[in-house]
């Protein structure tokens, strides 16, 4: 899958999760997501923050790609 697939607008994120992309970036920073397995990060967003699984995956993958 190409990298552009994981790029979403702030408006899309707010519409689907109720929170901004900046909010989720901060949540993932606080969770130390860059040092964890992506499946664990997805599970954290889904279970602790009630993010739908498809959006948890999108947010996680986009975040990890931005981190390099």
PDB file of N, CA and C in Angstrom:
ATOM      1  N   UNK A   1       0.852  -1.176   0.000  1.00  0.00           N
ATOM      2  CA  UNK A   1       0.000   0.000   0.000  1.00  0.00           C
ATOM      3  C   UNK A   1       0.889   1.227   0.000  1.00  0.00           C
ATOM      4  N   UNK A   2       0.548   2.226  -0.787  1.00  0.00           N
ATOM      5  CA  UNK A   2       1.433   3.382  -0.853  1.00  0.00           C
ATOM      6  C   UNK A   2       1.241   4.308   0.343  1.00  0.00           C
ATOM      7  N   UNK A   3       2.261   5.085   0.625  1.00  0.00           N
ATOM      8  CA  UNK A   3       2.297   5.932   1.823  1.00  0.00           C
ATOM      9  C   UNK A   3       1.165   6.963   1.837  1.00  0.00           C
ATOM     10  N   UNK A   4       0.726   7.408   0.668  1.00  0.00           N
ATOM     11  CA  UNK A   4      -0.343   8.418   0.603  1.00  0.00           C
ATOM     12  C   UNK A   4      -1.657   7.905   1.185  1.00  0.00           C
ATOM     13  N   UNK A   5      -1.836   6.605   1.182  1.00  0.00           N
ATOM     14  CA  UNK A   5      -3.068   6.024   1.711  1.00  0.00           C
ATOM     15  C   UNK A   5      -3.270   6.409   3.176  1.00  0.00           C
ATOM     16  N   UNK A   6      -2.186   6.552   3.914  1.00  0.00           N
ATOM     17  CA  UNK A   6      -2.266   6.806   5.351  1.00  0.00           C
ATOM     18  C   UNK A   6      -2.343   8.286   5.693  1.00  0.00           C
ATOM     19  N   UNK A   7      -2.223   9.149   4.686  1.00  0.00           N
ATOM     20  CA  UNK A   7      -2.315  10.577   4.932  1.00  0.00           C
ATOM     21  C   UNK A   7      -3.786  10.987   4.927  1.00  0.00           C
ATOM     22  N   UNK A   8      -4.222  11.521   6.041  1.00  0.00           N
ATOM     23  CA  UNK A   8      -5.613  11.942   6.177  1.00  0.00           C
ATOM     24  C   UNK A   8      -5.629  13.392   6.657  1.00  0.00           C
ATOM     25  N   UNK A   9      -6.702  14.068   6.347  1.00  0.00           N
ATOM     26  CA  UNK A   9      -6.822  15.464   6.774  1.00  0.00           C
ATOM     27  C   UNK A   9      -7.316  15.531   8.215  1.00  0.00           C
ATOM     28  N   UNK A  10      -7.048  16.656   8.833  1.00  0.00           N
ATOM     29  CA  UNK A  10      -7.523  16.876  10.192  1.00  0.00           C
ATOM     30  C   UNK A  10      -9.049  16.794  10.233  1.00  0.00           C
ATOM     31  N   UNK A  11      -9.703  17.303   9.203  1.00  0.00           N
ATOM     32  CA  UNK A  11     -11.162  17.267   9.149  1.00  0.00           C
ATOM     33  C   UNK A  11     -11.679  15.827   9.137  1.00  0.00           C
ATOM     34  N   UNK A  12     -11.016  14.958   8.381  1.00  0.00           N
ATOM     35  CA  UNK A  12     -11.420  13.550   8.346  1.00  0.00           C
ATOM     36  C   UNK A  12     -11.260  12.906   9.724  1.00  0.00           C
ATOM     37  N   UNK A  13     -10.145  13.198  10.362  1.00  0.00           N
ATOM     38  CA  UNK A  13      -9.868  12.606  11.670  1.00  0.00           C
ATOM     39  C   UNK A  13     -10.901  13.071  12.688  1.00  0.00           C
ATOM     40  N   UNK A  14     -11.200  14.363  12.702  1.00  0.00           N
ATOM     41  CA  UNK A  14     -12.205  14.894  13.632  1.00  0.00           C
ATOM     42  C   UNK A  14     -13.566  14.267  13.357  1.00  0.00           C
ATOM     43  N   UNK A  15     -13.924  14.162  12.095  1.00  0.00           N
ATOM     44  CA  UNK A  15     -15.219  13.584  11.732  1.00  0.00           C
ATOM     45  C   UNK A  15     -15.354  12.137  12.209  1.00  0.00           C
ATOM     46  N   UNK A  16     -14.271  11.368  12.105  1.00  0.00           N
ATOM     47  CA  UNK A  16     -14.344   9.944  12.410  1.00  0.00           C
ATOM     48  C   UNK A  16     -14.016   9.595  13.861  1.00  0.00           C
ATOM     49  N   UNK A  17     -13.285  10.488  14.563  1.00  0.00           N
ATOM     50  CA  UNK A  17     -12.871  10.150  15.931  1.00  0.00           C
ATOM     51  C   UNK A  17     -13.331  11.167  16.971  1.00  0.00           C
ATOM     52  N   UNK A  18     -13.749  12.344  16.513  1.00  0.00           N
ATOM     53  CA  UNK A  18     -14.161  13.388  17.439  1.00  0.00           C
ATOM     54  C   UNK A  18     -13.013  14.215  17.990  1.00  0.00           C
ATOM     55  N   UNK A  19     -11.787  13.885  17.601  1.00  0.00           N
ATOM     56  CA  UNK A  19     -10.591  14.595  18.072  1.00  0.00           C
ATOM     57  C   UNK A  19      -9.695  14.923  16.884  1.00  0.00           C
ATOM     58  N   UNK A  20      -8.862  15.948  17.070  1.00  0.00           N
ATOM     59  CA  UNK A  20      -7.971  16.385  15.995  1.00  0.00           C
ATOM     60  C   UNK A  20      -6.766  15.466  15.839  1.00  0.00           C
ATOM     61  N   UNK A  21      -6.117  15.600  14.710  1.00  0.00           N
ATOM     62  CA  UNK A  21      -4.887  14.857  14.460  1.00  0.00           C
ATOM     63  C   UNK A  21      -3.822  15.238  15.490  1.00  0.00           C
ATOM     64  N   UNK A  22      -3.755  16.501  15.867  1.00  0.00           N
ATOM     65  CA  UNK A  22      -2.798  16.941  16.889  1.00  0.00           C
ATOM     66  C   UNK A  22      -3.073  16.240  18.221  1.00  0.00           C
ATOM     67  N   UNK A  23      -4.344  16.080  18.564  1.00  0.00           N
ATOM     68  CA  UNK A  23      -4.698  15.360  19.795  1.00  0.00           C
ATOM     69  C   UNK A  23      -4.160  13.938  19.760  1.00  0.00           C
ATOM     70  N   UNK A  24      -4.402  13.231  18.650  1.00  0.00           N
ATOM     71  CA  UNK A  24      -3.969  11.833  18.555  1.00  0.00           C
ATOM     72  C   UNK A  24      -2.456  11.721  18.509  1.00  0.00           C
ATOM     73  N   UNK A  25      -1.791  12.688  17.896  1.00  0.00           N
ATOM     74  CA  UNK A  25      -0.329  12.695  17.902  1.00  0.00           C
ATOM     75  C   UNK A  25       0.184  12.807  19.326  1.00  0.00           C
ATOM     76  N   UNK A  26      -0.419  13.656  20.120  1.00  0.00           N
ATOM     77  CA  UNK A  26      -0.021  13.805  21.520  1.00  0.00           C
ATOM     78  C   UNK A  26      -0.301  12.520  22.312  1.00  0.00           C
ATOM     79  N   UNK A  27      -1.451  11.912  22.075  1.00  0.00           N
ATOM     80  CA  UNK A  27      -1.776  10.643  22.739  1.00  0.00           C
ATOM     81  C   UNK A  27      -0.713   9.592  22.405  1.00  0.00           C
ATOM     82  N   UNK A  28      -0.342   9.511  21.141  1.00  0.00           N
ATOM     83  CA  UNK A  28       0.646   8.518  20.728  1.00  0.00           C
ATOM     84  C   UNK A  28       2.032   8.845  21.261  1.00  0.00           C
ATOM     85  N   UNK A  29       2.372  10.121  21.333  1.00  0.00           N
ATOM     86  CA  UNK A  29       3.645  10.516  21.949  1.00  0.00           C
ATOM     87  C   UNK A  29       3.677  10.098  23.417  1.00  0.00           C
ATOM     88  N   UNK A  30       2.608  10.376  24.140  1.00  0.00           N
ATOM     89  CA  UNK A  30       2.545  10.029  25.566  1.00  0.00           C
ATOM     90  C   UNK A  30       2.586   8.517  25.782  1.00  0.00           C
ATOM     91  N   UNK A  31       2.049   7.769  24.850  1.00  0.00           N
ATOM     92  CA  UNK A  31       2.050   6.305  24.918  1.00  0.00           C
ATOM     93  C   UNK A  31       3.408   5.730  24.510  1.00  0.00           C
ATOM     94  N   UNK A  32       4.286   6.595  23.984  1.00  0.00           N
ATOM     95  CA  UNK A  32       5.607   6.162  23.497  1.00  0.00           C
ATOM     96  C   UNK A  32       5.449   5.182  22.337  1.00  0.00           C
ATOM     97  N   UNK A  33       4.493   5.502  21.455  1.00  0.00           N
ATOM     98  CA  UNK A  33       4.103   4.604  20.373  1.00  0.00           C
ATOM     99  C   UNK A  33       5.249   4.256  19.433  1.00  0.00           C
ATOM    100  N   UNK A  34       6.177   5.167  19.264  1.00  0.00           N
ATOM    101  CA  UNK A  34       7.280   4.927  18.337  1.00  0.00           C
ATOM    102  C   UNK A  34       8.120   3.713  18.758  1.00  0.00           C
ATOM    103  N   UNK A  35       8.099   3.391  20.037  1.00  0.00           N
ATOM    104  CA  UNK A  35       8.918   2.289  20.559  1.00  0.00           C
ATOM    105  C   UNK A  35       8.129   0.990  20.716  1.00  0.00           C
ATOM    106  N   UNK A  36       6.869   1.004  20.304  1.00  0.00           N
ATOM    107  CA  UNK A  36       6.015  -0.169  20.500  1.00  0.00           C
ATOM    108  C   UNK A  36       5.640  -0.801  19.160  1.00  0.00           C
ATOM    109  N   UNK A  37       5.181  -2.045  19.241  1.00  0.00           N
ATOM    110  CA  UNK A  37       4.684  -2.720  18.044  1.00  0.00           C
ATOM    111  C   UNK A  37       3.408  -2.029  17.581  1.00  0.00           C
ATOM    112  N   UNK A  38       3.237  -1.934  16.278  1.00  0.00           N
ATOM    113  CA  UNK A  38       2.073  -1.220  15.750  1.00  0.00           C
ATOM    114  C   UNK A  38       0.759  -1.844  16.215  1.00  0.00           C
ATOM    115  N   UNK A  39       0.696  -3.170  16.327  1.00  0.00           N
ATOM    116  CA  UNK A  39      -0.544  -3.807  16.790  1.00  0.00           C
ATOM    117  C   UNK A  39      -0.873  -3.408  18.227  1.00  0.00           C
ATOM    118  N   UNK A  40       0.151  -3.204  19.047  1.00  0.00           N
ATOM    119  CA  UNK A  40      -0.069  -2.764  20.424  1.00  0.00           C
ATOM    120  C   UNK A  40      -0.583  -1.332  20.472  1.00  0.00           C
ATOM    121  N   UNK A  41      -0.095  -0.511  19.560  1.00  0.00           N
ATOM    122  CA  UNK A  41      -0.547   0.883  19.490  1.00  0.00           C
ATOM    123  C   UNK A  41      -2.004   0.930  19.032  1.00  0.00           C
ATOM    124  N   UNK A  42      -2.324   0.150  18.016  1.00  0.00           N
ATOM    125  CA  UNK A  42      -3.713   0.071  17.533  1.00  0.00           C
ATOM    126  C   UNK A  42      -4.629  -0.381  18.668  1.00  0.00           C
ATOM    127  N   UNK A  43      -4.227  -1.398  19.381  1.00  0.00           N
ATOM    128  CA  UNK A  43      -5.038  -1.912  20.494  1.00  0.00           C
ATOM    129  C   UNK A  43      -5.226  -0.840  21.567  1.00  0.00           C
ATOM    130  N   UNK A  44      -4.189  -0.072  21.842  1.00  0.00           N
ATOM    131  CA  UNK A  44      -4.284   1.001  22.833  1.00  0.00           C
ATOM    132  C   UNK A  44      -5.330   2.039  22.402  1.00  0.00           C
ATOM    133  N   UNK A  45      -5.260   2.472  21.153  1.00  0.00           N
ATOM    134  CA  UNK A  45      -6.232   3.460  20.670  1.00  0.00           C
ATOM    135  C   UNK A  45      -7.648   2.894  20.705  1.00  0.00           C
ATOM    136  N   UNK A  46      -7.793   1.651  20.299  1.00  0.00           N
ATOM    137  CA  UNK A  46      -9.107   1.021  20.264  1.00  0.00           C
ATOM    138  C   UNK A  46      -9.665   0.815  21.673  1.00  0.00           C
ATOM    139  N   UNK A  47      -8.866   0.253  22.543  1.00  0.00           N
ATOM    140  CA  UNK A  47      -9.351  -0.142  23.866  1.00  0.00           C
ATOM    141  C   UNK A  47      -9.396   0.994  24.876  1.00  0.00           C
ATOM    142  N   UNK A  48      -8.421   1.860  24.850  1.00  0.00           N
ATOM    143  CA  UNK A  48      -8.337   2.933  25.847  1.00  0.00           C
ATOM    144  C   UNK A  48      -8.998   4.236  25.412  1.00  0.00           C
ATOM    145  N   UNK A  49      -9.134   4.412  24.087  1.00  0.00           N
ATOM    146  CA  UNK A  49      -9.665   5.677  23.575  1.00  0.00           C
ATOM    147  C   UNK A  49     -10.880   5.494  22.662  1.00  0.00           C
ATOM    148  N   UNK A  50     -11.346   4.245  22.543  1.00  0.00           N
ATOM    149  CA  UNK A  50     -12.541   3.907  21.759  1.00  0.00           C
ATOM    150  C   UNK A  50     -12.481   4.398  20.306  1.00  0.00           C
ATOM    151  N   UNK A  51     -11.295   4.341  19.713  1.00  0.00           N
ATOM    152  CA  UNK A  51     -11.135   4.686  18.300  1.00  0.00           C
ATOM    153  C   UNK A  51     -11.516   3.455  17.486  1.00  0.00           C
ATOM    154  N   UNK A  52     -12.369   3.614  16.474  1.00  0.00           N
ATOM    155  CA  UNK A  52     -12.695   2.466  15.616  1.00  0.00           C
ATOM    156  C   UNK A  52     -11.410   1.841  15.061  1.00  0.00           C
ATOM    157  N   UNK A  53     -11.373   0.524  14.975  1.00  0.00           N
ATOM    158  CA  UNK A  53     -10.139  -0.179  14.634  1.00  0.00           C
ATOM    159  C   UNK A  53      -9.529   0.299  13.318  1.00  0.00           C
ATOM    160  N   UNK A  54     -10.345   0.564  12.310  1.00  0.00           N
ATOM    161  CA  UNK A  54      -9.775   1.025  11.036  1.00  0.00           C
ATOM    162  C   UNK A  54      -9.093   2.382  11.193  1.00  0.00           C
ATOM    163  N   UNK A  55      -9.666   3.237  12.016  1.00  0.00           N
ATOM    164  CA  UNK A  55      -9.042   4.544  12.257  1.00  0.00           C
ATOM    165  C   UNK A  55      -7.867   4.434  13.205  1.00  0.00           C
ATOM    166  N   UNK A  56      -7.901   3.499  14.116  1.00  0.00           N
ATOM    167  CA  UNK A  56      -6.742   3.260  14.981  1.00  0.00           C
ATOM    168  C   UNK A  56      -5.550   2.835  14.135  1.00  0.00           C
ATOM    169  N   UNK A  57      -5.787   1.974  13.155  1.00  0.00           N
ATOM    170  CA  UNK A  57      -4.719   1.539  12.250  1.00  0.00           C
ATOM    171  C   UNK A  57      -4.230   2.713  11.402  1.00  0.00           C
ATOM    172  N   UNK A  58      -5.136   3.504  10.877  1.00  0.00           N
ATOM    173  CA  UNK A  58      -4.758   4.647  10.051  1.00  0.00           C
ATOM    174  C   UNK A  58      -3.922   5.643  10.854  1.00  0.00           C
ATOM    175  N   UNK A  59      -4.374   5.968  12.059  1.00  0.00           N
ATOM    176  CA  UNK A  59      -3.640   6.913  12.900  1.00  0.00           C
ATOM    177  C   UNK A  59      -2.265   6.361  13.275  1.00  0.00           C
ATOM    178  N   UNK A  60      -2.206   5.093  13.610  1.00  0.00           N
ATOM    179  CA  UNK A  60      -0.938   4.467  14.001  1.00  0.00           C
ATOM    180  C   UNK A  60       0.052   4.456  12.857  1.00  0.00           C
ATOM    181  N   UNK A  61      -0.369   3.988  11.703  1.00  0.00           N
ATOM    182  CA  UNK A  61       0.529   3.887  10.562  1.00  0.00           C
ATOM    183  C   UNK A  61       1.002   5.260  10.121  1.00  0.00           C
ATOM    184  N   UNK A  62       0.088   6.215  10.046  1.00  0.00           N
ATOM    185  CA  UNK A  62       0.471   7.573   9.669  1.00  0.00           C
ATOM    186  C   UNK A  62       1.475   8.166  10.651  1.00  0.00           C
ATOM    187  N   UNK A  63       1.223   7.965  11.926  1.00  0.00           N
ATOM    188  CA  UNK A  63       2.111   8.457  12.977  1.00  0.00           C
ATOM    189  C   UNK A  63       3.506   7.854  12.840  1.00  0.00           C
ATOM    190  N   UNK A  64       3.563   6.531  12.707  1.00  0.00           N
ATOM    191  CA  UNK A  64       4.859   5.865  12.612  1.00  0.00           C
ATOM    192  C   UNK A  64       5.621   6.270  11.356  1.00  0.00           C
ATOM    193  N   UNK A  65       4.922   6.493  10.263  1.00  0.00           N
ATOM    194  CA  UNK A  65       5.581   6.963   9.044  1.00  0.00           C
ATOM    195  C   UNK A  65       6.136   8.374   9.226  1.00  0.00           C
ATOM    196  N   UNK A  66       5.393   9.223   9.912  1.00  0.00           N
ATOM    197  CA  UNK A  66       5.877  10.594  10.152  1.00  0.00           C
ATOM    198  C   UNK A  66       7.094  10.604  11.087  1.00  0.00           C
ATOM    199  N   UNK A  67       7.180   9.620  11.972  1.00  0.00           N
ATOM    200  CA  UNK A  67       8.301   9.551  12.901  1.00  0.00           C
ATOM    201  C   UNK A  67       9.585   9.092  12.210  1.00  0.00           C
ATOM    202  N   UNK A  68       9.431   8.508  11.040  1.00  0.00           N
ATOM    203  CA  UNK A  68      10.605   8.101  10.264  1.00  0.00           C
ATOM    204  C   UNK A  68      10.986   6.719  10.506  1.00  0.00           C
TER     205      UNK A  68
END
